[in-house]
Every structure is written in structure tokens, then in C-alpha cells.
PDB file of all heavy atoms in Angstrom:
ATOM      1  N   LYS A   1      -5.145   4.852  -0.810  1.00  0.00           N
ATOM      2  CA  LYS A   1      -4.377   4.951  -2.047  1.00  0.00           C
ATOM      3  C   LYS A   1      -3.110   5.719  -1.756  1.00  0.00           C
ATOM      4  O   LYS A   1      -3.086   6.597  -0.902  1.00  0.00           O
ATOM      5  CB  LYS A   1      -5.181   5.686  -3.130  1.00  0.00           C
ATOM      6  CG  LYS A   1      -6.365   4.910  -3.627  1.00  0.00           C
ATOM      7  CD  LYS A   1      -7.042   5.642  -4.749  1.00  0.00           C
ATOM      8  CE  LYS A   1      -8.219   4.805  -5.236  1.00  0.00           C
ATOM      9  NZ  LYS A   1      -8.732   5.280  -6.498  1.00  0.00           N
ATOM     10  N   GLY A   2      -2.050   5.381  -2.461  1.00  0.00           N
ATOM     11  CA  GLY A   2      -0.806   6.092  -2.262  1.00  0.00           C
ATOM     12  C   GLY A   2       0.274   5.584  -3.184  1.00  0.00           C
ATOM     13  O   GLY A   2       0.040   4.691  -4.003  1.00  0.00           O
ATOM     14  N   PHE A   3       1.434   6.168  -3.048  1.00  0.00           N
ATOM     15  CA  PHE A   3       2.582   5.681  -3.799  1.00  0.00           C
ATOM     16  C   PHE A   3       3.849   6.074  -3.082  1.00  0.00           C
ATOM     17  O   PHE A   3       3.882   7.024  -2.322  1.00  0.00           O
ATOM     18  CB  PHE A   3       2.595   6.209  -5.242  1.00  0.00           C
ATOM     19  CG  PHE A   3       2.922   7.665  -5.364  1.00  0.00           C
ATOM     20  CD1 PHE A   3       4.232   8.078  -5.535  1.00  0.00           C
ATOM     21  CD2 PHE A   3       1.923   8.614  -5.311  1.00  0.00           C
ATOM     22  CE1 PHE A   3       4.544   9.421  -5.658  1.00  0.00           C
ATOM     23  CE2 PHE A   3       2.221   9.957  -5.424  1.00  0.00           C
ATOM     24  CZ  PHE A   3       3.527  10.357  -5.598  1.00  0.00           C
ATOM     25  N   GLY A   4       4.863   5.287  -3.306  1.00  0.00           N
ATOM     26  CA  GLY A   4       6.192   5.572  -2.779  1.00  0.00           C
ATOM     27  C   GLY A   4       7.149   5.477  -3.931  1.00  0.00           C
ATOM     28  O   GLY A   4       7.053   6.205  -4.906  1.00  0.00           O
ATOM     29  N   ARG A   5       8.007   4.484  -3.881  1.00  0.00           N
ATOM     30  CA  ARG A   5       8.973   4.298  -4.960  1.00  0.00           C
ATOM     31  C   ARG A   5       8.310   3.766  -6.219  1.00  0.00           C
ATOM     32  O   ARG A   5       8.873   3.866  -7.299  1.00  0.00           O
ATOM     33  CB  ARG A   5      10.076   3.359  -4.505  1.00  0.00           C
ATOM     34  CG  ARG A   5      10.949   3.989  -3.451  1.00  0.00           C
ATOM     35  CD  ARG A   5      12.091   3.106  -3.075  1.00  0.00           C
ATOM     36  NE  ARG A   5      12.927   3.769  -2.090  1.00  0.00           N
ATOM     37  CZ  ARG A   5      13.767   3.153  -1.323  1.00  0.00           C
ATOM     38  NH1 ARG A   5      13.900   1.842  -1.405  1.00  0.00           N
ATOM     39  NH2 ARG A   5      14.489   3.817  -0.455  1.00  0.00           N
ATOM     40  N   GLN A   6       7.120   3.198  -6.086  1.00  0.00           N
ATOM     41  CA  GLN A   6       6.418   2.685  -7.275  1.00  0.00           C
ATOM     42  C   GLN A   6       6.047   3.818  -8.224  1.00  0.00           C
ATOM     43  O   GLN A   6       6.020   3.647  -9.420  1.00  0.00           O
ATOM     44  CB  GLN A   6       5.135   1.954  -6.858  1.00  0.00           C
ATOM     45  CG  GLN A   6       5.352   0.530  -6.446  1.00  0.00           C
ATOM     46  CD  GLN A   6       4.036  -0.122  -6.066  1.00  0.00           C
ATOM     47  OE1 GLN A   6       3.425   0.271  -5.095  1.00  0.00           O
ATOM     48  NE2 GLN A   6       3.632  -1.088  -6.827  1.00  0.00           N
ATOM     49  N   LYS A   7       5.668   4.955  -7.682  1.00  0.00           N
ATOM     50  CA  LYS A   7       5.314   6.149  -8.448  1.00  0.00           C
ATOM     51  C   LYS A   7       4.197   5.937  -9.455  1.00  0.00           C
ATOM     52  O   LYS A   7       4.100   6.635 -10.450  1.00  0.00           O
ATOM     53  CB  LYS A   7       6.542   6.710  -9.153  1.00  0.00           C
ATOM     54  CG  LYS A   7       7.591   7.229  -8.207  1.00  0.00           C
ATOM     55  CD  LYS A   7       8.685   7.910  -8.956  1.00  0.00           C
ATOM     56  CE  LYS A   7       9.704   8.561  -8.089  1.00  0.00           C
ATOM     57  NZ  LYS A   7      10.293   7.820  -7.044  1.00  0.00           N
ATOM     58  N   GLY A   8       3.336   4.968  -9.239  1.00  0.00           N
ATOM     59  CA  GLY A   8       2.221   4.763 -10.147  1.00  0.00           C
ATOM     60  C   GLY A   8       2.638   4.095 -11.439  1.00  0.00           C
ATOM     61  O   GLY A   8       3.758   3.609 -11.570  1.00  0.00           O
ATOM     62  N   HIS A   9       1.738   4.092 -12.408  1.00  0.00           N
ATOM     63  CA  HIS A   9       2.013   3.476 -13.700  1.00  0.00           C
ATOM     64  C   HIS A   9       1.037   4.026 -14.731  1.00  0.00           C
ATOM     65  O   HIS A   9       0.104   4.742 -14.402  1.00  0.00           O
ATOM     66  CB  HIS A   9       1.898   1.953 -13.605  1.00  0.00           C
ATOM     67  CG  HIS A   9       0.529   1.478 -13.214  1.00  0.00           C
ATOM     68  ND1 HIS A   9       0.109   1.458 -11.905  1.00  0.00           N
ATOM     69  CD2 HIS A   9      -0.498   1.035 -13.956  1.00  0.00           C
ATOM     70  CE1 HIS A   9      -1.146   1.007 -11.877  1.00  0.00           C
ATOM     71  NE2 HIS A   9      -1.526   0.747 -13.097  1.00  0.00           N
ATOM     72  N   THR A  10       1.270   3.703 -16.010  1.00  0.00           N
ATOM     73  CA  THR A  10       0.358   4.145 -17.060  1.00  0.00           C
ATOM     74  C   THR A  10      -0.525   2.978 -17.485  1.00  0.00           C
ATOM     75  O   THR A  10      -0.113   1.820 -17.444  1.00  0.00           O
ATOM     76  CB  THR A  10       1.129   4.670 -18.295  1.00  0.00           C
ATOM     77  OG1 THR A  10       1.972   3.627 -18.778  1.00  0.00           O
ATOM     78  CG2 THR A  10       1.963   5.876 -17.934  1.00  0.00           C
ATOM     79  N   GLU A  11      -1.760   3.301 -17.858  1.00  0.00           N
ATOM     80  CA  GLU A  11      -2.705   2.301 -18.334  1.00  0.00           C
ATOM     81  C   GLU A  11      -3.338   2.792 -19.625  1.00  0.00           C
ATOM     82  O   GLU A  11      -3.367   3.982 -19.920  1.00  0.00           O
ATOM     83  CB  GLU A  11      -3.801   2.044 -17.283  1.00  0.00           C
ATOM     84  CG  GLU A  11      -3.305   1.296 -16.080  1.00  0.00           C
ATOM     85  CD  GLU A  11      -4.428   0.899 -15.138  1.00  0.00           C
ATOM     86  OE1 GLU A  11      -5.606   1.114 -15.476  1.00  0.00           O
ATOM     87  OE2 GLU A  11      -4.112   0.363 -14.065  1.00  0.00           O
ATOM     88  N   LEU A  12      -3.855   1.847 -20.371  1.00  0.00           N
ATOM     89  CA  LEU A  12      -4.532   2.158 -21.617  1.00  0.00           C
ATOM     90  C   LEU A  12      -6.017   1.905 -21.436  1.00  0.00           C
ATOM     91  O   LEU A  12      -6.426   0.827 -20.998  1.00  0.00           O
ATOM     92  CB  LEU A  12      -3.972   1.251 -22.729  1.00  0.00           C
ATOM     93  CG  LEU A  12      -4.216   1.688 -24.160  1.00  0.00           C
ATOM     94  CD1 LEU A  12      -3.563   3.032 -24.426  1.00  0.00           C
ATOM     95  CD2 LEU A  12      -3.660   0.650 -25.111  1.00  0.00           C
ATOM     96  N   TYR A  13      -6.861   2.906 -21.700  1.00  0.00           N
ATOM     97  CA  TYR A  13      -8.305   2.773 -21.563  1.00  0.00           C
ATOM     98  C   TYR A  13      -8.971   3.351 -22.795  1.00  0.00           C
ATOM     99  O   TYR A  13      -8.830   4.536 -23.082  1.00  0.00           O
ATOM    100  CB  TYR A  13      -8.792   3.487 -20.296  1.00  0.00           C
ATOM    101  CG  TYR A  13     -10.274   3.391 -20.093  1.00  0.00           C
ATOM    102  CD1 TYR A  13     -10.860   2.194 -19.712  1.00  0.00           C
ATOM    103  CD2 TYR A  13     -11.095   4.488 -20.292  1.00  0.00           C
ATOM    104  CE1 TYR A  13     -12.228   2.083 -19.521  1.00  0.00           C
ATOM    105  CE2 TYR A  13     -12.457   4.399 -20.115  1.00  0.00           C
ATOM    106  CZ  TYR A  13     -13.022   3.196 -19.721  1.00  0.00           C
ATOM    107  OH  TYR A  13     -14.388   3.099 -19.547  1.00  0.00           O
ATOM    108  N   ARG A  14      -9.648   2.502 -23.551  1.00  0.00           N
ATOM    109  CA  ARG A  14     -10.337   2.904 -24.789  1.00  0.00           C
ATOM    110  C   ARG A  14      -9.417   3.687 -25.720  1.00  0.00           C
ATOM    111  O   ARG A  14      -9.778   4.728 -26.263  1.00  0.00           O
ATOM    112  CB  ARG A  14     -11.594   3.702 -24.467  1.00  0.00           C
ATOM    113  CG  ARG A  14     -12.634   2.877 -23.759  1.00  0.00           C
ATOM    114  CD  ARG A  14     -13.927   3.607 -23.658  1.00  0.00           C
ATOM    115  NE  ARG A  14     -14.921   2.765 -23.003  1.00  0.00           N
ATOM    116  CZ  ARG A  14     -16.175   3.070 -22.848  1.00  0.00           C
ATOM    117  NH1 ARG A  14     -16.629   4.224 -23.312  1.00  0.00           N
ATOM    118  NH2 ARG A  14     -17.004   2.267 -22.243  1.00  0.00           N
ATOM    119  N   GLY A  15      -8.227   3.192 -25.843  1.00  0.00           N
ATOM    120  CA  GLY A  15      -7.273   3.787 -26.769  1.00  0.00           C
ATOM    121  C   GLY A  15      -6.511   4.984 -26.236  1.00  0.00           C
ATOM    122  O   GLY A  15      -5.611   5.483 -26.889  1.00  0.00           O
ATOM    123  N   ALA A  16      -6.866   5.452 -25.053  1.00  0.00           N
ATOM    124  CA  ALA A  16      -6.180   6.606 -24.478  1.00  0.00           C
ATOM    125  C   ALA A  16      -5.291   6.145 -23.327  1.00  0.00           C
ATOM    126  O   ALA A  16      -5.700   5.337 -22.509  1.00  0.00           O
ATOM    127  CB  ALA A  16      -7.186   7.634 -23.967  1.00  0.00           C
ATOM    128  N   GLU A  17      -4.100   6.668 -23.312  1.00  0.00           N
ATOM    129  CA  GLU A  17      -3.167   6.330 -22.244  1.00  0.00           C
ATOM    130  C   GLU A  17      -3.291   7.353 -21.127  1.00  0.00           C
ATOM    131  O   GLU A  17      -3.386   8.548 -21.373  1.00  0.00           O
ATOM    132  CB  GLU A  17      -1.739   6.324 -22.798  1.00  0.00           C
ATOM    133  CG  GLU A  17      -0.727   5.745 -21.840  1.00  0.00           C
ATOM    134  CD  GLU A  17       0.642   5.623 -22.476  1.00  0.00           C
ATOM    135  OE1 GLU A  17       0.839   4.683 -23.276  1.00  0.00           O
ATOM    136  OE2 GLU A  17       1.499   6.462 -22.157  1.00  0.00           O
ATOM    137  N   TYR A  18      -3.347   6.884 -19.897  1.00  0.00           N
ATOM    138  CA  TYR A  18      -3.401   7.806 -18.779  1.00  0.00           C
ATOM    139  C   TYR A  18      -2.555   7.274 -17.622  1.00  0.00           C
ATOM    140  O   TYR A  18      -2.256   6.097 -17.546  1.00  0.00           O
ATOM    141  CB  TYR A  18      -4.841   8.071 -18.324  1.00  0.00           C
ATOM    142  CG  TYR A  18      -5.547   6.880 -17.738  1.00  0.00           C
ATOM    143  CD1 TYR A  18      -5.659   6.717 -16.356  1.00  0.00           C
ATOM    144  CD2 TYR A  18      -6.122   5.903 -18.551  1.00  0.00           C
ATOM    145  CE1 TYR A  18      -6.301   5.624 -15.815  1.00  0.00           C
ATOM    146  CE2 TYR A  18      -6.768   4.808 -18.024  1.00  0.00           C
ATOM    147  CZ  TYR A  18      -6.857   4.683 -16.651  1.00  0.00           C
ATOM    148  OH  TYR A  18      -7.502   3.590 -16.117  1.00  0.00           O
ATOM    149  N   VAL A  19      -2.167   8.171 -16.735  1.00  0.00           N
ATOM    150  CA  VAL A  19      -1.275   7.833 -15.630  1.00  0.00           C
ATOM    151  C   VAL A  19      -2.093   7.591 -14.363  1.00  0.00           C
ATOM    152  O   VAL A  19      -2.961   8.398 -14.021  1.00  0.00           O
ATOM    153  CB  VAL A  19      -0.256   8.971 -15.382  1.00  0.00           C
ATOM    154  CG1 VAL A  19       0.627   8.657 -14.179  1.00  0.00           C
ATOM    155  CG2 VAL A  19       0.587   9.199 -16.624  1.00  0.00           C
ATOM    156  N   VAL A  20      -1.832   6.473 -13.715  1.00  0.00           N
ATOM    157  CA  VAL A  20      -2.432   6.188 -12.420  1.00  0.00           C
ATOM    158  C   VAL A  20      -1.386   6.552 -11.368  1.00  0.00           C
ATOM    159  O   VAL A  20      -0.401   5.832 -11.190  1.00  0.00           O
ATOM    160  CB  VAL A  20      -2.826   4.695 -12.310  1.00  0.00           C
ATOM    161  CG1 VAL A  20      -3.406   4.401 -10.933  1.00  0.00           C
ATOM    162  CG2 VAL A  20      -3.809   4.322 -13.409  1.00  0.00           C
ATOM    163  N   ASP A  21      -1.586   7.710 -10.733  1.00  0.00           N
ATOM    164  CA  ASP A  21      -0.601   8.197  -9.764  1.00  0.00           C
ATOM    165  C   ASP A  21      -0.672   7.446  -8.439  1.00  0.00           C
ATOM    166  O   ASP A  21       0.345   7.140  -7.836  1.00  0.00           O
ATOM    167  CB  ASP A  21      -0.798   9.686  -9.495  1.00  0.00           C
ATOM    168  CG  ASP A  21      -0.418  10.534 -10.691  1.00  0.00           C
ATOM    169  OD1 ASP A  21       0.460  10.115 -11.453  1.00  0.00           O
ATOM    170  OD2 ASP A  21      -1.007  11.609 -10.866  1.00  0.00           O
ATOM    171  N   PHE A  22      -1.882   7.189  -7.974  1.00  0.00           N
ATOM    172  CA  PHE A  22      -2.061   6.566  -6.677  1.00  0.00           C
ATOM    173  C   PHE A  22      -2.519   5.124  -6.851  1.00  0.00           C
ATOM    174  O   PHE A  22      -3.472   4.850  -7.563  1.00  0.00           O
ATOM    175  CB  PHE A  22      -3.078   7.339  -5.841  1.00  0.00           C
ATOM    176  CG  PHE A  22      -2.608   8.722  -5.495  1.00  0.00           C
ATOM    177  CD1 PHE A  22      -3.064   9.822  -6.196  1.00  0.00           C
ATOM    178  CD2 PHE A  22      -1.696   8.915  -4.477  1.00  0.00           C
ATOM    179  CE1 PHE A  22      -2.619  11.093  -5.887  1.00  0.00           C
ATOM    180  CE2 PHE A  22      -1.244  10.184  -4.158  1.00  0.00           C
ATOM    181  CZ  PHE A  22      -1.713  11.269  -4.860  1.00  0.00           C
ATOM    182  N   LEU A  23      -1.830   4.220  -6.184  1.00  0.00           N
ATOM    183  CA  LEU A  23      -2.138   2.804  -6.275  1.00  0.00           C
ATOM    184  C   LEU A  23      -2.968   2.372  -5.076  1.00  0.00           C
ATOM    185  O   LEU A  23      -2.786   2.878  -3.969  1.00  0.00           O
ATOM    186  CB  LEU A  23      -0.841   2.000  -6.329  1.00  0.00           C
ATOM    187  CG  LEU A  23       0.077   2.361  -7.498  1.00  0.00           C
ATOM    188  CD1 LEU A  23       1.405   1.647  -7.355  1.00  0.00           C
ATOM    189  CD2 LEU A  23      -0.583   1.997  -8.813  1.00  0.00           C
ATOM    190  N   PRO A  24      -3.887   1.424  -5.278  1.00  0.00           N
ATOM    191  CA  PRO A  24      -4.699   0.963  -4.146  1.00  0.00           C
ATOM    192  C   PRO A  24      -3.859   0.185  -3.145  1.00  0.00           C
ATOM    193  O   PRO A  24      -3.040  -0.645  -3.523  1.00  0.00           O
ATOM    194  CB  PRO A  24      -5.752   0.066  -4.813  1.00  0.00           C
ATOM    195  CG  PRO A  24      -5.161  -0.340  -6.112  1.00  0.00           C
ATOM    196  CD  PRO A  24      -4.232   0.759  -6.526  1.00  0.00           C
ATOM    197  N   LYS A  25      -4.066   0.482  -1.875  1.00  0.00           N
ATOM    198  CA  LYS A  25      -3.383  -0.190  -0.768  1.00  0.00           C
ATOM    199  C   LYS A  25      -4.405  -0.448   0.327  1.00  0.00           C
ATOM    200  O   LYS A  25      -5.505   0.063   0.294  1.00  0.00           O
ATOM    201  CB  LYS A  25      -2.246   0.676  -0.202  1.00  0.00           C
ATOM    202  CG  LYS A  25      -1.167   1.045  -1.195  1.00  0.00           C
ATOM    203  CD  LYS A  25      -0.287  -0.118  -1.531  1.00  0.00           C
ATOM    204  CE  LYS A  25       0.832   0.307  -2.469  1.00  0.00           C
ATOM    205  NZ  LYS A  25       1.704  -0.790  -2.789  1.00  0.00           N
ATOM    206  N   ILE A  26      -3.984  -1.216   1.317  1.00  0.00           N
ATOM    207  CA  ILE A  26      -4.807  -1.483   2.493  1.00  0.00           C
ATOM    208  C   ILE A  26      -4.014  -1.037   3.716  1.00  0.00           C
ATOM    209  O   ILE A  26      -2.829  -1.349   3.844  1.00  0.00           O
ATOM    210  CB  ILE A  26      -5.129  -2.985   2.621  1.00  0.00           C
ATOM    211  CG1 ILE A  26      -5.987  -3.464   1.457  1.00  0.00           C
ATOM    212  CG2 ILE A  26      -5.786  -3.302   3.959  1.00  0.00           C
ATOM    213  CD1 ILE A  26      -7.411  -2.967   1.475  1.00  0.00           C
ATOM    214  N   LYS A  27      -4.673  -0.295   4.618  1.00  0.00           N
ATOM    215  CA  LYS A  27      -4.025   0.078   5.875  1.00  0.00           C
ATOM    216  C   LYS A  27      -4.659  -0.746   6.992  1.00  0.00           C
ATOM    217  O   LYS A  27      -5.863  -0.718   7.193  1.00  0.00           O
ATOM    218  CB  LYS A  27      -4.179   1.565   6.170  1.00  0.00           C
ATOM    219  CG  LYS A  27      -3.488   1.960   7.472  1.00  0.00           C
ATOM    220  CD  LYS A  27      -3.279   3.444   7.616  1.00  0.00           C
ATOM    221  CE  LYS A  27      -4.549   4.186   7.857  1.00  0.00           C
ATOM    222  NZ  LYS A  27      -4.330   5.588   8.239  1.00  0.00           N
ATOM    223  N   VAL A  28      -3.819  -1.495   7.695  1.00  0.00           N
ATOM    224  CA  VAL A  28      -4.244  -2.313   8.821  1.00  0.00           C
ATOM    225  C   VAL A  28      -3.748  -1.628  10.091  1.00  0.00           C
ATOM    226  O   VAL A  28      -2.565  -1.313  10.204  1.00  0.00           O
ATOM    227  CB  VAL A  28      -3.648  -3.743   8.725  1.00  0.00           C
ATOM    228  CG1 VAL A  28      -4.034  -4.560   9.934  1.00  0.00           C
ATOM    229  CG2 VAL A  28      -4.085  -4.418   7.444  1.00  0.00           C
ATOM    230  N   GLU A  29      -4.664  -1.379  11.020  1.00  0.00           N
ATOM    231  CA  GLU A  29      -4.305  -0.742  12.277  1.00  0.00           C
ATOM    232  C   GLU A  29      -4.644  -1.674  13.424  1.00  0.00           C
ATOM    233  O   GLU A  29      -5.726  -2.259  13.457  1.00  0.00           O
ATOM    234  CB  GLU A  29      -5.075   0.564  12.458  1.00  0.00           C
ATOM    235  CG  GLU A  29      -4.785   1.591  11.377  1.00  0.00           C
ATOM    236  CD  GLU A  29      -5.688   2.794  11.490  1.00  0.00           C
ATOM    237  OE1 GLU A  29      -5.325   3.719  12.231  1.00  0.00           O
ATOM    238  OE2 GLU A  29      -6.749   2.783  10.847  1.00  0.00           O
ATOM    239  N   VAL A  30      -3.724  -1.805  14.363  1.00  0.00           N
ATOM    240  CA  VAL A  30      -3.942  -2.657  15.524  1.00  0.00           C
ATOM    241  C   VAL A  30      -3.220  -2.045  16.721  1.00  0.00           C
ATOM    242  O   VAL A  30      -2.141  -1.477  16.572  1.00  0.00           O
ATOM    243  CB  VAL A  30      -3.471  -4.105  15.230  1.00  0.00           C
ATOM    244  CG1 VAL A  30      -2.001  -4.161  14.956  1.00  0.00           C
ATOM    245  CG2 VAL A  30      -3.845  -5.044  16.342  1.00  0.00           C
ATOM    246  N   VAL A  31      -3.849  -2.123  17.885  1.00  0.00           N
ATOM    247  CA  VAL A  31      -3.231  -1.665  19.131  1.00  0.00           C
ATOM    248  C   VAL A  31      -2.943  -2.898  19.975  1.00  0.00           C
ATOM    249  O   VAL A  31      -3.825  -3.724  20.197  1.00  0.00           O
ATOM    250  CB  VAL A  31      -4.137  -0.678  19.886  1.00  0.00           C
ATOM    251  CG1 VAL A  31      -3.517  -0.298  21.224  1.00  0.00           C
ATOM    252  CG2 VAL A  31      -4.383   0.566  19.052  1.00  0.00           C
ATOM    253  N   VAL A  32      -1.698  -3.015  20.419  1.00  0.00           N
ATOM    254  CA  VAL A  32      -1.270  -4.205  21.168  1.00  0.00           C
ATOM    255  C   VAL A  32      -0.466  -3.781  22.393  1.00  0.00           C
ATOM    256  O   VAL A  32       0.018  -2.658  22.478  1.00  0.00           O
ATOM    257  CB  VAL A  32      -0.420  -5.147  20.282  1.00  0.00           C
ATOM    258  CG1 VAL A  32      -1.220  -5.671  19.111  1.00  0.00           C
ATOM    259  CG2 VAL A  32       0.838  -4.455  19.795  1.00  0.00           C
ATOM    260  N   THR A  33      -0.305  -4.708  23.312  1.00  0.00           N
ATOM    261  CA  THR A  33       0.554  -4.463  24.468  1.00  0.00           C
ATOM    262  C   THR A  33       2.011  -4.485  24.006  1.00  0.00           C
ATOM    263  O   THR A  33       2.339  -5.059  22.967  1.00  0.00           O
ATOM    264  CB  THR A  33       0.331  -5.531  25.551  1.00  0.00           C
ATOM    265  OG1 THR A  33       0.641  -6.809  25.004  1.00  0.00           O
ATOM    266  CG2 THR A  33      -1.097  -5.516  26.058  1.00  0.00           C
ATOM    267  N   ASP A  34       2.864  -3.881  24.798  1.00  0.00           N
ATOM    268  CA  ASP A  34       4.287  -3.824  24.449  1.00  0.00           C
ATOM    269  C   ASP A  34       4.889  -5.218  24.287  1.00  0.00           C
ATOM    270  O   ASP A  34       5.760  -5.431  23.454  1.00  0.00           O
ATOM    271  CB  ASP A  34       5.066  -3.043  25.504  1.00  0.00           C
ATOM    272  CG  ASP A  34       4.740  -1.557  25.479  1.00  0.00           C
ATOM    273  OD1 ASP A  34       4.297  -1.066  24.426  1.00  0.00           O
ATOM    274  OD2 ASP A  34       4.934  -0.892  26.513  1.00  0.00           O
ATOM    275  N   SER A  35       4.406  -6.171  25.082  1.00  0.00           N
ATOM    276  CA  SER A  35       4.977  -7.523  25.045  1.00  0.00           C
ATOM    277  C   SER A  35       4.676  -8.268  23.747  1.00  0.00           C
ATOM    278  O   SER A  35       5.379  -9.203  23.387  1.00  0.00           O
ATOM    279  CB  SER A  35       4.468  -8.334  26.236  1.00  0.00           C
ATOM    280  OG  SER A  35       3.058  -8.446  26.185  1.00  0.00           O
ATOM    281  N   VAL A  36       3.620  -7.863  23.034  1.00  0.00           N
ATOM    282  CA  VAL A  36       3.207  -8.557  21.811  1.00  0.00           C
ATOM    283  C   VAL A  36       3.619  -7.786  20.551  1.00  0.00           C
ATOM    284  O   VAL A  36       3.579  -8.329  19.447  1.00  0.00           O
ATOM    285  CB  VAL A  36       1.669  -8.770  21.812  1.00  0.00           C
ATOM    286  CG1 VAL A  36       1.192  -9.495  20.585  1.00  0.00           C
ATOM    287  CG2 VAL A  36       1.237  -9.502  23.061  1.00  0.00           C
ATOM    288  N   ALA A  37       4.047  -6.540  20.717  1.00  0.00           N
ATOM    289  CA  ALA A  37       4.310  -5.671  19.567  1.00  0.00           C
ATOM    290  C   ALA A  37       5.329  -6.263  18.593  1.00  0.00           C
ATOM    291  O   ALA A  37       5.093  -6.288  17.381  1.00  0.00           O
ATOM    292  CB  ALA A  37       4.768  -4.296  20.038  1.00  0.00           C
ATOM    293  N   ASP A  38       6.454  -6.755  19.087  1.00  0.00           N
ATOM    294  CA  ASP A  38       7.479  -7.302  18.192  1.00  0.00           C
ATOM    295  C   ASP A  38       6.977  -8.523  17.433  1.00  0.00           C
ATOM    296  O   ASP A  38       7.284  -8.692  16.248  1.00  0.00           O
ATOM    297  CB  ASP A  38       8.744  -7.650  18.976  1.00  0.00           C
ATOM    298  CG  ASP A  38       9.493  -6.404  19.442  1.00  0.00           C
ATOM    299  OD1 ASP A  38       9.309  -5.333  18.822  1.00  0.00           O
ATOM    300  OD2 ASP A  38      10.246  -6.502  20.424  1.00  0.00           O
ATOM    301  N   GLN A  39       6.196  -9.371  18.098  1.00  0.00           N
ATOM    302  CA  GLN A  39       5.633 -10.549  17.423  1.00  0.00           C
ATOM    303  C   GLN A  39       4.657 -10.125  16.334  1.00  0.00           C
ATOM    304  O   GLN A  39       4.622 -10.709  15.249  1.00  0.00           O
ATOM    305  CB  GLN A  39       4.906 -11.445  18.425  1.00  0.00           C
ATOM    306  CG  GLN A  39       5.805 -12.100  19.436  1.00  0.00           C
ATOM    307  CD  GLN A  39       5.003 -12.846  20.490  1.00  0.00           C
ATOM    308  OE1 GLN A  39       3.818 -12.615  20.668  1.00  0.00           O
ATOM    309  NE2 GLN A  39       5.673 -13.764  21.181  1.00  0.00           N
ATOM    310  N   ALA A  40       3.854  -9.110  16.606  1.00  0.00           N
ATOM    311  CA  ALA A  40       2.884  -8.620  15.621  1.00  0.00           C
ATOM    312  C   ALA A  40       3.596  -8.040  14.405  1.00  0.00           C
ATOM    313  O   ALA A  40       3.215  -8.314  13.260  1.00  0.00           O
ATOM    314  CB  ALA A  40       1.977  -7.575  16.255  1.00  0.00           C
ATOM    315  N   ILE A  41       4.642  -7.259  14.638  1.00  0.00           N
ATOM    316  CA  ILE A  41       5.398  -6.661  13.534  1.00  0.00           C
ATOM    317  C   ILE A  41       6.028  -7.757  12.683  1.00  0.00           C
ATOM    318  O   ILE A  41       5.958  -7.725  11.449  1.00  0.00           O
ATOM    319  CB  ILE A  41       6.463  -5.692  14.079  1.00  0.00           C
ATOM    320  CG1 ILE A  41       5.780  -4.487  14.724  1.00  0.00           C
ATOM    321  CG2 ILE A  41       7.430  -5.264  12.982  1.00  0.00           C
ATOM    322  CD1 ILE A  41       6.701  -3.641  15.587  1.00  0.00           C
ATOM    323  N   GLU A  42       6.614  -8.744  13.327  1.00  0.00           N
ATOM    324  CA  GLU A  42       7.241  -9.851  12.596  1.00  0.00           C
ATOM    325  C   GLU A  42       6.212 -10.638  11.790  1.00  0.00           C
ATOM    326  O   GLU A  42       6.461 -11.036  10.649  1.00  0.00           O
ATOM    327  CB  GLU A  42       7.977 -10.766  13.577  1.00  0.00           C
ATOM    328  CG  GLU A  42       8.950 -11.703  12.916  1.00  0.00           C
ATOM    329  CD  GLU A  42      10.055 -10.998  12.138  1.00  0.00           C
ATOM    330  OE1 GLU A  42      10.533  -9.937  12.564  1.00  0.00           O
ATOM    331  OE2 GLU A  42      10.437 -11.529  11.064  1.00  0.00           O
ATOM    332  N   ALA A  43       5.032 -10.838  12.354  1.00  0.00           N
ATOM    333  CA  ALA A  43       3.964 -11.557  11.651  1.00  0.00           C
ATOM    334  C   ALA A  43       3.523 -10.793  10.407  1.00  0.00           C
ATOM    335  O   ALA A  43       3.304 -11.388   9.344  1.00  0.00           O
ATOM    336  CB  ALA A  43       2.774 -11.783  12.586  1.00  0.00           C
ATOM    337  N   ILE A  44       3.423  -9.471  10.521  1.00  0.00           N
ATOM    338  CA  ILE A  44       3.031  -8.651   9.369  1.00  0.00           C
ATOM    339  C   ILE A  44       4.102  -8.718   8.286  1.00  0.00           C
ATOM    340  O   ILE A  44       3.813  -8.891   7.100  1.00  0.00           O
ATOM    341  CB  ILE A  44       2.764  -7.196   9.792  1.00  0.00           C
ATOM    342  CG1 ILE A  44       1.542  -7.129  10.701  1.00  0.00           C
ATOM    343  CG2 ILE A  44       2.564  -6.307   8.559  1.00  0.00           C
ATOM    344  CD1 ILE A  44       1.352  -5.785  11.390  1.00  0.00           C
ATOM    345  N   ILE A  45       5.362  -8.590   8.692  1.00  0.00           N
ATOM    346  CA  ILE A  45       6.460  -8.622   7.716  1.00  0.00           C
ATOM    347  C   ILE A  45       6.456  -9.939   6.946  1.00  0.00           C
ATOM    348  O   ILE A  45       6.515  -9.955   5.717  1.00  0.00           O
ATOM    349  CB  ILE A  45       7.816  -8.406   8.418  1.00  0.00           C
ATOM    350  CG1 ILE A  45       7.927  -6.978   8.935  1.00  0.00           C
ATOM    351  CG2 ILE A  45       8.973  -8.722   7.466  1.00  0.00           C
ATOM    352  CD1 ILE A  45       9.122  -6.741   9.849  1.00  0.00           C
TER     353      ILE A  45
END
């Protein structure tokens, strides 16, 4: 979970408004050789 420029948002739950500061995200980690690194970064982008 985290936030950057999004800074979270407000939601309504059972009539009460509350702030969701941290948004769900996924972190993908991979270790590659130097020769494949640029291709991997481009594929992710």
C-alpha cells in the first residue's frame, strides 16, 4: 500500500465519510542480467 501524487481519496461507508490514505498496489521484483535489464524495464512500462 502507498501513495504518491494520488494522495488517497475519500469514501463513504454506512453514511460516514472517511479518508483512504494508502492505496493498494502491487510490487513486482525481478533480478535479471545486465543485457536483459533494458528490455525488462521497457516491457513493464
